[in-house]
PDB file of all heavy atoms in Angstrom:
ATOM      1  N   ARG A   1     132.751  81.108 147.339  1.00  0.00           N
ATOM      2  CA  ARG A   1     131.312  81.348 147.378  1.00  0.00           C
ATOM      3  C   ARG A   1     130.702  80.811 148.668  1.00  0.00           C
ATOM      4  O   ARG A   1     129.630  81.248 149.077  1.00  0.00           O
ATOM      5  CB  ARG A   1     130.630  80.663 146.186  1.00  0.00           C
ATOM      6  CG  ARG A   1     130.955  81.269 144.849  1.00  0.00           C
ATOM      7  CD  ARG A   1     130.261  82.592 144.634  1.00  0.00           C
ATOM      8  NE  ARG A   1     128.796  82.470 144.676  1.00  0.00           N
ATOM      9  CZ  ARG A   1     127.968  83.507 144.715  1.00  0.00           C
ATOM     10  NH1 ARG A   1     128.454  84.736 144.768  1.00  0.00           N
ATOM     11  NH2 ARG A   1     126.664  83.317 144.722  1.00  0.00           N
ATOM     12  N   ARG A   2     131.383  79.856 149.279  1.00  0.00           N
ATOM     13  CA  ARG A   2     130.822  79.222 150.474  1.00  0.00           C
ATOM     14  C   ARG A   2     131.869  79.231 151.583  1.00  0.00           C
ATOM     15  O   ARG A   2     133.044  78.894 151.368  1.00  0.00           O
ATOM     16  CB  ARG A   2     130.406  77.787 150.152  1.00  0.00           C
ATOM     17  CG  ARG A   2     129.580  77.122 151.244  1.00  0.00           C
ATOM     18  CD  ARG A   2     128.832  75.926 150.690  1.00  0.00           C
ATOM     19  NE  ARG A   2     128.019  75.286 151.712  1.00  0.00           N
ATOM     20  CZ  ARG A   2     126.819  75.712 152.113  1.00  0.00           C
ATOM     21  NH1 ARG A   2     126.293  76.784 151.558  1.00  0.00           N
ATOM     22  NH2 ARG A   2     126.148  75.072 153.046  1.00  0.00           N
ATOM     23  N   GLY A   3     131.453  79.655 152.765  1.00  0.00           N
ATOM     24  CA  GLY A   3     132.365  79.714 153.893  1.00  0.00           C
ATOM     25  C   GLY A   3     131.657  79.374 155.195  1.00  0.00           C
ATOM     26  O   GLY A   3     130.423  79.407 155.267  1.00  0.00           O
ATOM     27  N   VAL A   4     132.434  79.055 156.220  1.00  0.00           N
ATOM     28  CA  VAL A   4     131.837  78.687 157.504  1.00  0.00           C
ATOM     29  C   VAL A   4     132.786  79.025 158.645  1.00  0.00           C
ATOM     30  O   VAL A   4     134.010  78.940 158.504  1.00  0.00           O
ATOM     31  CB  VAL A   4     131.489  77.176 157.542  1.00  0.00           C
ATOM     32  CG1 VAL A   4     132.750  76.311 157.470  1.00  0.00           C
ATOM     33  CG2 VAL A   4     130.688  76.822 158.793  1.00  0.00           C
ATOM     34  N   VAL A   5     132.222  79.421 159.752  1.00  0.00           N
ATOM     35  CA  VAL A   5     132.940  79.513 161.015  1.00  0.00           C
ATOM     36  C   VAL A   5     132.134  78.724 162.034  1.00  0.00           C
ATOM     37  O   VAL A   5     130.891  78.764 162.028  1.00  0.00           O
ATOM     38  CB  VAL A   5     133.134  80.982 161.464  1.00  0.00           C
ATOM     39  CG1 VAL A   5     131.800  81.695 161.638  1.00  0.00           C
ATOM     40  CG2 VAL A   5     133.925  81.048 162.756  1.00  0.00           C
ATOM     41  N   ILE A   6     132.819  77.957 162.867  1.00  0.00           N
ATOM     42  CA  ILE A   6     132.162  77.154 163.906  1.00  0.00           C
ATOM     43  C   ILE A   6     132.809  77.501 165.240  1.00  0.00           C
ATOM     44  O   ILE A   6     134.041  77.529 165.352  1.00  0.00           O
ATOM     45  CB  ILE A   6     132.296  75.643 163.642  1.00  0.00           C
ATOM     46  CG1 ILE A   6     131.795  75.278 162.244  1.00  0.00           C
ATOM     47  CG2 ILE A   6     131.530  74.842 164.693  1.00  0.00           C
ATOM     48  CD1 ILE A   6     132.026  73.828 161.861  1.00  0.00           C
ATOM     49  N   LEU A   7     131.990  77.737 166.250  1.00  0.00           N
ATOM     50  CA  LEU A   7     132.467  78.034 167.596  1.00  0.00           C
ATOM     51  C   LEU A   7     131.812  77.073 168.573  1.00  0.00           C
ATOM     52  O   LEU A   7     130.615  76.788 168.475  1.00  0.00           O
ATOM     53  CB  LEU A   7     132.125  79.476 167.987  1.00  0.00           C
ATOM     54  CG  LEU A   7     132.620  80.578 167.046  1.00  0.00           C
ATOM     55  CD1 LEU A   7     132.098  81.935 167.494  1.00  0.00           C
ATOM     56  CD2 LEU A   7     134.143  80.585 166.983  1.00  0.00           C
ATOM     57  N   SER A   8     132.606  76.552 169.512  1.00  0.00           N
ATOM     58  CA  SER A   8     132.082  75.638 170.522  1.00  0.00           C
ATOM     59  C   SER A   8     132.739  75.919 171.861  1.00  0.00           C
ATOM     60  O   SER A   8     133.904  76.326 171.913  1.00  0.00           O
ATOM     61  CB  SER A   8     132.348  74.178 170.126  1.00  0.00           C
ATOM     62  OG  SER A   8     131.936  73.298 171.159  1.00  0.00           O
ATOM     63  N   ASN A   9     131.996  75.683 172.933  1.00  0.00           N
ATOM     64  CA  ASN A   9     132.578  75.823 174.269  1.00  0.00           C
ATOM     65  C   ASN A   9     132.896  74.467 174.869  1.00  0.00           C
ATOM     66  O   ASN A   9     132.821  74.270 176.082  1.00  0.00           O
ATOM     67  CB  ASN A   9     131.665  76.634 175.202  1.00  0.00           C
ATOM     68  CG  ASN A   9     130.315  75.976 175.433  1.00  0.00           C
ATOM     69  OD1 ASN A   9     129.813  75.249 174.573  1.00  0.00           O
ATOM     70  ND2 ASN A   9     129.712  76.247 176.578  1.00  0.00           N
ATOM     71  N   THR A  10     133.278  73.531 174.017  1.00  0.00           N
ATOM     72  CA  THR A  10     133.820  72.240 174.428  1.00  0.00           C
ATOM     73  C   THR A  10     135.100  72.007 173.639  1.00  0.00           C
ATOM     74  O   THR A  10     135.121  72.221 172.420  1.00  0.00           O
ATOM     75  CB  THR A  10     132.831  71.091 174.169  1.00  0.00           C
ATOM     76  OG1 THR A  10     131.603  71.364 174.832  1.00  0.00           O
ATOM     77  CG2 THR A  10     133.389  69.764 174.677  1.00  0.00           C
ATOM     78  N   ALA A  11     136.156  71.568 174.305  1.00  0.00           N
ATOM     79  CA  ALA A  11     137.463  71.415 173.659  1.00  0.00           C
ATOM     80  C   ALA A  11     137.546  70.106 172.884  1.00  0.00           C
ATOM     81  O   ALA A  11     138.347  69.222 173.189  1.00  0.00           O
ATOM     82  CB  ALA A  11     138.577  71.506 174.693  1.00  0.00           C
ATOM     83  N   LEU A  12     136.704  69.976 171.879  1.00  0.00           N
ATOM     84  CA  LEU A  12     136.749  68.873 170.919  1.00  0.00           C
ATOM     85  C   LEU A  12     136.739  69.479 169.529  1.00  0.00           C
ATOM     86  O   LEU A  12     135.908  70.362 169.244  1.00  0.00           O
ATOM     87  CB  LEU A  12     135.533  67.951 171.076  1.00  0.00           C
ATOM     88  CG  LEU A  12     135.435  67.136 172.362  1.00  0.00           C
ATOM     89  CD1 LEU A  12     134.110  66.372 172.382  1.00  0.00           C
ATOM     90  CD2 LEU A  12     136.591  66.156 172.475  1.00  0.00           C
ATOM     91  N   ASP A  13     137.622  69.007 168.649  1.00  0.00           N
ATOM     92  CA  ASP A  13     137.737  69.681 167.364  1.00  0.00           C
ATOM     93  C   ASP A  13     136.452  69.543 166.545  1.00  0.00           C
ATOM     94  O   ASP A  13     135.710  68.570 166.662  1.00  0.00           O
ATOM     95  CB  ASP A  13     138.963  69.211 166.590  1.00  0.00           C
ATOM     96  CG  ASP A  13     138.813  67.841 165.953  1.00  0.00           C
ATOM     97  OD1 ASP A  13     137.926  67.704 165.098  1.00  0.00           O
ATOM     98  OD2 ASP A  13     139.586  66.933 166.292  1.00  0.00           O
ATOM     99  N   THR A  14     136.198  70.564 165.761  1.00  0.00           N
ATOM    100  CA  THR A  14     134.996  70.638 164.933  1.00  0.00           C
ATOM    101  C   THR A  14     135.348  70.606 163.449  1.00  0.00           C
ATOM    102  O   THR A  14     134.530  70.968 162.601  1.00  0.00           O
ATOM    103  CB  THR A  14     134.231  71.943 165.238  1.00  0.00           C
ATOM    104  OG1 THR A  14     135.095  73.061 164.991  1.00  0.00           O
ATOM    105  CG2 THR A  14     133.775  71.997 166.691  1.00  0.00           C
ATOM    106  N   ASP A  15     136.560  70.171 163.135  1.00  0.00           N
ATOM    107  CA  ASP A  15     137.051  70.242 161.759  1.00  0.00           C
ATOM    108  C   ASP A  15     136.160  69.489 160.775  1.00  0.00           C
ATOM    109  O   ASP A  15     135.895  69.979 159.667  1.00  0.00           O
ATOM    110  CB  ASP A  15     138.474  69.693 161.668  1.00  0.00           C
ATOM    111  CG  ASP A  15     139.484  70.529 162.425  1.00  0.00           C
ATOM    112  OD1 ASP A  15     139.071  71.473 163.127  1.00  0.00           O
ATOM    113  OD2 ASP A  15     140.693  70.243 162.323  1.00  0.00           O
ATOM    114  N   ASP A  16     135.722  68.285 161.146  1.00  0.00           N
ATOM    115  CA  ASP A  16     134.944  67.496 160.184  1.00  0.00           C
ATOM    116  C   ASP A  16     133.619  68.180 159.861  1.00  0.00           C
ATOM    117  O   ASP A  16     133.155  68.136 158.719  1.00  0.00           O
ATOM    118  CB  ASP A  16     134.715  66.075 160.694  1.00  0.00           C
ATOM    119  CG  ASP A  16     133.803  66.009 161.911  1.00  0.00           C
ATOM    120  OD1 ASP A  16     133.988  66.832 162.832  1.00  0.00           O
ATOM    121  OD2 ASP A  16     132.915  65.134 161.958  1.00  0.00           O
ATOM    122  N   LEU A  17     133.033  68.859 160.851  1.00  0.00           N
ATOM    123  CA  LEU A  17     131.804  69.609 160.592  1.00  0.00           C
ATOM    124  C   LEU A  17     132.078  70.749 159.612  1.00  0.00           C
ATOM    125  O   LEU A  17     131.285  71.003 158.702  1.00  0.00           O
ATOM    126  CB  LEU A  17     131.245  70.172 161.899  1.00  0.00           C
ATOM    127  CG  LEU A  17     130.771  69.150 162.948  1.00  0.00           C
ATOM    128  CD1 LEU A  17     130.478  69.852 164.260  1.00  0.00           C
ATOM    129  CD2 LEU A  17     129.535  68.401 162.449  1.00  0.00           C
ATOM    130  N   GLY A  18     133.210  71.434 159.810  1.00  0.00           N
ATOM    131  CA  GLY A  18     133.557  72.542 158.940  1.00  0.00           C
ATOM    132  C   GLY A  18     133.789  72.104 157.509  1.00  0.00           C
ATOM    133  O   GLY A  18     133.252  72.709 156.560  1.00  0.00           O
ATOM    134  N   PHE A  19     134.558  71.043 157.337  1.00  0.00           N
ATOM    135  CA  PHE A  19     134.835  70.570 155.972  1.00  0.00           C
ATOM    136  C   PHE A  19     133.566  70.032 155.307  1.00  0.00           C
ATOM    137  O   PHE A  19     133.399  70.151 154.092  1.00  0.00           O
ATOM    138  CB  PHE A  19     135.922  69.498 155.994  1.00  0.00           C
ATOM    139  CG  PHE A  19     137.301  70.043 156.236  1.00  0.00           C
ATOM    140  CD1 PHE A  19     138.037  69.668 157.351  1.00  0.00           C
ATOM    141  CD2 PHE A  19     137.871  70.958 155.368  1.00  0.00           C
ATOM    142  CE1 PHE A  19     139.305  70.173 157.588  1.00  0.00           C
ATOM    143  CE2 PHE A  19     139.141  71.477 155.581  1.00  0.00           C
ATOM    144  CZ  PHE A  19     139.861  71.084 156.699  1.00  0.00           C
ATOM    145  N   ALA A  20     132.664  69.451 156.109  1.00  0.00           N
ATOM    146  CA  ALA A  20     131.418  68.920 155.539  1.00  0.00           C
ATOM    147  C   ALA A  20     130.498  70.033 155.067  1.00  0.00           C
ATOM    148  O   ALA A  20     129.695  69.832 154.149  1.00  0.00           O
ATOM    149  CB  ALA A  20     130.702  68.050 156.569  1.00  0.00           C
ATOM    150  N   VAL A  21     130.586  71.226 155.665  1.00  0.00           N
ATOM    151  CA  VAL A  21     129.822  72.369 155.176  1.00  0.00           C
ATOM    152  C   VAL A  21     130.350  72.811 153.817  1.00  0.00           C
ATOM    153  O   VAL A  21     129.596  73.209 152.926  1.00  0.00           O
ATOM    154  CB  VAL A  21     129.886  73.544 156.179  1.00  0.00           C
ATOM    155  CG1 VAL A  21     129.270  74.805 155.578  1.00  0.00           C
ATOM    156  CG2 VAL A  21     129.171  73.187 157.475  1.00  0.00           C
ATOM    157  N   LEU A  22     131.654  72.717 153.638  1.00  0.00           N
ATOM    158  CA  LEU A  22     132.318  73.239 152.437  1.00  0.00           C
ATOM    159  C   LEU A  22     132.427  72.229 151.307  1.00  0.00           C
ATOM    160  O   LEU A  22     132.626  72.599 150.154  1.00  0.00           O
ATOM    161  CB  LEU A  22     133.714  73.742 152.805  1.00  0.00           C
ATOM    162  CG  LEU A  22     133.772  74.810 153.901  1.00  0.00           C
ATOM    163  CD1 LEU A  22     135.226  75.117 154.259  1.00  0.00           C
ATOM    164  CD2 LEU A  22     133.042  76.064 153.464  1.00  0.00           C
ATOM    165  N   ASP A  23     132.326  70.936 151.633  1.00  0.00           N
ATOM    166  CA  ASP A  23     132.545  69.882 150.642  1.00  0.00           C
ATOM    167  C   ASP A  23     131.521  68.778 150.881  1.00  0.00           C
ATOM    168  O   ASP A  23     131.544  68.109 151.921  1.00  0.00           O
ATOM    169  CB  ASP A  23     133.968  69.331 150.780  1.00  0.00           C
ATOM    170  CG  ASP A  23     134.287  68.236 149.772  1.00  0.00           C
ATOM    171  OD1 ASP A  23     133.387  67.828 149.007  1.00  0.00           O
ATOM    172  OD2 ASP A  23     135.442  67.778 149.759  1.00  0.00           O
ATOM    173  N   ALA A  24     130.630  68.586 149.927  1.00  0.00           N
ATOM    174  CA  ALA A  24     129.564  67.584 150.082  1.00  0.00           C
ATOM    175  C   ALA A  24     130.120  66.179 150.200  1.00  0.00           C
ATOM    176  O   ALA A  24     129.430  65.272 150.703  1.00  0.00           O
ATOM    177  CB  ALA A  24     128.605  67.668 148.893  1.00  0.00           C
ATOM    178  N   ASN A  25     131.359  65.952 149.757  1.00  0.00           N
ATOM    179  CA  ASN A  25     131.953  64.617 149.820  1.00  0.00           C
ATOM    180  C   ASN A  25     132.801  64.390 151.065  1.00  0.00           C
ATOM    181  O   ASN A  25     133.320  63.286 151.280  1.00  0.00           O
ATOM    182  CB  ASN A  25     132.814  64.381 148.577  1.00  0.00           C
ATOM    183  CG  ASN A  25     132.000  64.390 147.303  1.00  0.00           C
ATOM    184  OD1 ASN A  25     130.923  63.803 147.245  1.00  0.00           O
ATOM    185  ND2 ASN A  25     132.497  65.065 146.271  1.00  0.00           N
ATOM    186  N   ALA A  26     132.974  65.413 151.891  1.00  0.00           N
ATOM    187  CA  ALA A  26     133.783  65.262 153.103  1.00  0.00           C
ATOM    188  C   ALA A  26     133.068  64.362 154.096  1.00  0.00           C
ATOM    189  O   ALA A  26     131.846  64.436 154.269  1.00  0.00           O
ATOM    190  CB  ALA A  26     134.055  66.632 153.727  1.00  0.00           C
ATOM    191  N   SER A  27     133.834  63.509 154.762  1.00  0.00           N
ATOM    192  CA  SER A  27     133.234  62.565 155.701  1.00  0.00           C
ATOM    193  C   SER A  27     132.975  63.227 157.043  1.00  0.00           C
ATOM    194  O   SER A  27     133.642  64.186 157.428  1.00  0.00           O
ATOM    195  CB  SER A  27     134.157  61.355 155.892  1.00  0.00           C
ATOM    196  OG  SER A  27     135.405  61.761 156.422  1.00  0.00           O
ATOM    197  N   LEU A  28     131.978  62.699 157.762  1.00  0.00           N
ATOM    198  CA  LEU A  28     131.655  63.150 159.111  1.00  0.00           C
ATOM    199  C   LEU A  28     131.973  62.044 160.105  1.00  0.00           C
ATOM    200  O   LEU A  28     131.685  60.867 159.854  1.00  0.00           O
ATOM    201  CB  LEU A  28     130.172  63.517 159.213  1.00  0.00           C
ATOM    202  CG  LEU A  28     129.771  64.883 158.651  1.00  0.00           C
ATOM    203  CD1 LEU A  28     128.253  64.979 158.513  1.00  0.00           C
ATOM    204  CD2 LEU A  28     130.284  65.990 159.561  1.00  0.00           C
ATOM    205  N   THR A  29     132.579  62.404 161.212  1.00  0.00           N
ATOM    206  CA  THR A  29     132.891  61.432 162.251  1.00  0.00           C
ATOM    207  C   THR A  29     131.609  60.888 162.856  1.00  0.00           C
ATOM    208  O   THR A  29     130.707  61.673 163.181  1.00  0.00           O
ATOM    209  CB  THR A  29     133.735  62.090 163.359  1.00  0.00           C
ATOM    210  OG1 THR A  29     134.923  62.630 162.781  1.00  0.00           O
ATOM    211  CG2 THR A  29     134.093  61.092 164.437  1.00  0.00           C
ATOM    212  N   PRO A  30     131.472  59.562 163.004  1.00  0.00           N
ATOM    213  CA  PRO A  30     130.269  59.011 163.630  1.00  0.00           C
ATOM    214  C   PRO A  30     130.084  59.554 165.042  1.00  0.00           C
ATOM    215  O   PRO A  30     131.050  59.869 165.731  1.00  0.00           O
ATOM    216  CB  PRO A  30     130.543  57.494 163.654  1.00  0.00           C
ATOM    217  CG  PRO A  30     131.579  57.273 162.613  1.00  0.00           C
ATOM    218  CD  PRO A  30     132.414  58.510 162.588  1.00  0.00           C
ATOM    219  N   THR A  31     128.844  59.667 165.459  1.00  0.00           N
ATOM    220  CA  THR A  31     128.535  60.152 166.809  1.00  0.00           C
ATOM    221  C   THR A  31     128.299  58.959 167.734  1.00  0.00           C
ATOM    222  O   THR A  31     127.492  58.081 167.434  1.00  0.00           O
ATOM    223  CB  THR A  31     127.284  61.045 166.791  1.00  0.00           C
ATOM    224  OG1 THR A  31     127.522  62.148 165.916  1.00  0.00           O
ATOM    225  CG2 THR A  31     126.960  61.561 168.179  1.00  0.00           C
ATOM    226  N   TYR A  32     129.029  58.930 168.829  1.00  0.00           N
ATOM    227  CA  TYR A  32     128.883  57.869 169.817  1.00  0.00           C
ATOM    228  C   TYR A  32     128.414  58.472 171.142  1.00  0.00           C
ATOM    229  O   TYR A  32     128.645  59.647 171.419  1.00  0.00           O
ATOM    230  CB  TYR A  32     130.219  57.163 170.069  1.00  0.00           C
ATOM    231  CG  TYR A  32     130.836  56.505 168.857  1.00  0.00           C
ATOM    232  CD1 TYR A  32     131.813  57.163 168.122  1.00  0.00           C
ATOM    233  CD2 TYR A  32     130.452  55.235 168.466  1.00  0.00           C
ATOM    234  CE1 TYR A  32     132.405  56.564 167.011  1.00  0.00           C
ATOM    235  CE2 TYR A  32     131.041  54.619 167.355  1.00  0.00           C
ATOM    236  CZ  TYR A  32     132.011  55.292 166.638  1.00  0.00           C
ATOM    237  OH  TYR A  32     132.587  54.702 165.557  1.00  0.00           O
ATOM    238  N   LYS A  33     127.790  57.645 171.959  1.00  0.00           N
ATOM    239  CA  LYS A  33     127.431  58.052 173.312  1.00  0.00           C
ATOM    240  C   LYS A  33     128.119  57.118 174.288  1.00  0.00           C
ATOM    241  O   LYS A  33     127.991  55.891 174.203  1.00  0.00           O
ATOM    242  CB  LYS A  33     125.916  58.012 173.525  1.00  0.00           C
ATOM    243  CG  LYS A  33     125.497  58.585 174.873  1.00  0.00           C
ATOM    244  CD  LYS A  33     124.001  58.797 174.960  1.00  0.00           C
ATOM    245  CE  LYS A  33     123.635  59.476 176.279  1.00  0.00           C
ATOM    246  NZ  LYS A  33     122.165  59.755 176.367  1.00  0.00           N
ATOM    247  N   ALA A  34     128.881  57.697 175.214  1.00  0.00           N
ATOM    248  CA  ALA A  34     129.656  56.890 176.157  1.00  0.00           C
ATOM    249  C   ALA A  34     128.751  56.240 177.197  1.00  0.00           C
ATOM    250  O   ALA A  34     127.739  56.804 177.621  1.00  0.00           O
ATOM    251  CB  ALA A  34     130.702  57.763 176.840  1.00  0.00           C
ATOM    252  N   ILE A  35     129.130  55.021 177.598  1.00  0.00           N
ATOM    253  CA  ILE A  35     128.467  54.320 178.699  1.00  0.00           C
ATOM    254  C   ILE A  35     129.503  54.084 179.791  1.00  0.00           C
ATOM    255  O   ILE A  35     130.696  54.356 179.616  1.00  0.00           O
ATOM    256  CB  ILE A  35     127.866  52.977 178.235  1.00  0.00           C
ATOM    257  CG1 ILE A  35     128.993  52.016 177.788  1.00  0.00           C
ATOM    258  CG2 ILE A  35     126.857  53.184 177.119  1.00  0.00           C
ATOM    259  CD1 ILE A  35     128.508  50.589 177.533  1.00  0.00           C
ATOM    260  N   SER A  36     129.070  53.602 180.920  1.00  0.00           N
ATOM    261  CA  SER A  36     129.981  53.291 182.030  1.00  0.00           C
ATOM    262  C   SER A  36     130.227  51.793 182.082  1.00  0.00           C
ATOM    263  O   SER A  36     129.293  50.993 181.937  1.00  0.00           O
ATOM    264  CB  SER A  36     129.392  53.775 183.361  1.00  0.00           C
ATOM    265  OG  SER A  36     129.269  55.177 183.378  1.00  0.00           O
ATOM    266  N   LEU A  37     131.484  51.426 182.274  1.00  0.00           N
ATOM    267  CA  LEU A  37     131.856  50.028 182.504  1.00  0.00           C
ATOM    268  C   LEU A  37     132.655  49.967 183.799  1.00  0.00           C
ATOM    269  O   LEU A  37     133.410  50.900 184.106  1.00  0.00           O
ATOM    270  CB  LEU A  37     132.707  49.483 181.349  1.00  0.00           C
ATOM    271  CG  LEU A  37     132.017  49.283 180.000  1.00  0.00           C
ATOM    272  CD1 LEU A  37     133.020  48.802 178.956  1.00  0.00           C
ATOM    273  CD2 LEU A  37     130.861  48.302 180.112  1.00  0.00           C
ATOM    274  N   PRO A  38     132.530  48.903 184.579  1.00  0.00           N
ATOM    275  CA  PRO A  38     133.294  48.789 185.831  1.00  0.00           C
ATOM    276  C   PRO A  38     134.793  48.739 185.567  1.00  0.00           C
ATOM    277  O   PRO A  38     135.237  48.285 184.500  1.00  0.00           O
ATOM    278  CB  PRO A  38     132.773  47.495 186.449  1.00  0.00           C
ATOM    279  CG  PRO A  38     132.165  46.728 185.318  1.00  0.00           C
ATOM    280  CD  PRO A  38     131.647  47.742 184.357  1.00  0.00           C
ATOM    281  N   ASP A  39     135.588  49.214 186.540  1.00  0.00           N
ATOM    282  CA  ASP A  39     137.033  49.236 186.388  1.00  0.00           C
ATOM    283  C   ASP A  39     137.601  47.865 186.051  1.00  0.00           C
ATOM    284  O   ASP A  39     138.525  47.741 185.241  1.00  0.00           O
ATOM    285  CB  ASP A  39     137.689  49.765 187.668  1.00  0.00           C
ATOM    286  CG  ASP A  39     137.611  51.279 187.762  1.00  0.00           C
ATOM    287  OD1 ASP A  39     137.152  51.905 186.791  1.00  0.00           O
ATOM    288  OD2 ASP A  39     137.995  51.830 188.800  1.00  0.00           O
ATOM    289  N   ALA A  40     137.064  46.821 186.678  1.00  0.00           N
ATOM    290  CA  ALA A  40     137.570  45.464 186.421  1.00  0.00           C
ATOM    291  C   ALA A  40     137.369  45.081 184.964  1.00  0.00           C
ATOM    292  O   ALA A  40     138.212  44.399 184.367  1.00  0.00           O
ATOM    293  CB  ALA A  40     136.866  44.461 187.331  1.00  0.00           C
ATOM    294  N   SER A  41     136.275  45.532 184.384  1.00  0.00           N
ATOM    295  CA  SER A  41     136.022  45.244 182.974  1.00  0.00           C
ATOM    296  C   SER A  41     136.990  46.008 182.080  1.00  0.00           C
ATOM    297  O   SER A  41     137.506  45.467 181.099  1.00  0.00           O
ATOM    298  CB  SER A  41     134.578  45.610 182.625  1.00  0.00           C
ATOM    299  OG  SER A  41     134.330  45.426 181.245  1.00  0.00           O
TER     300      SER A  41
END
């Protein structure tokens, strides 16, 4: 009764989004934002 297709132009998997559409109990990967740290660090 419920289906989904997801398309992205970034090579990062979208599986968790897909399963979360189909299953209310499926977990979603937390969203992070990258920062810059110096090479020495």
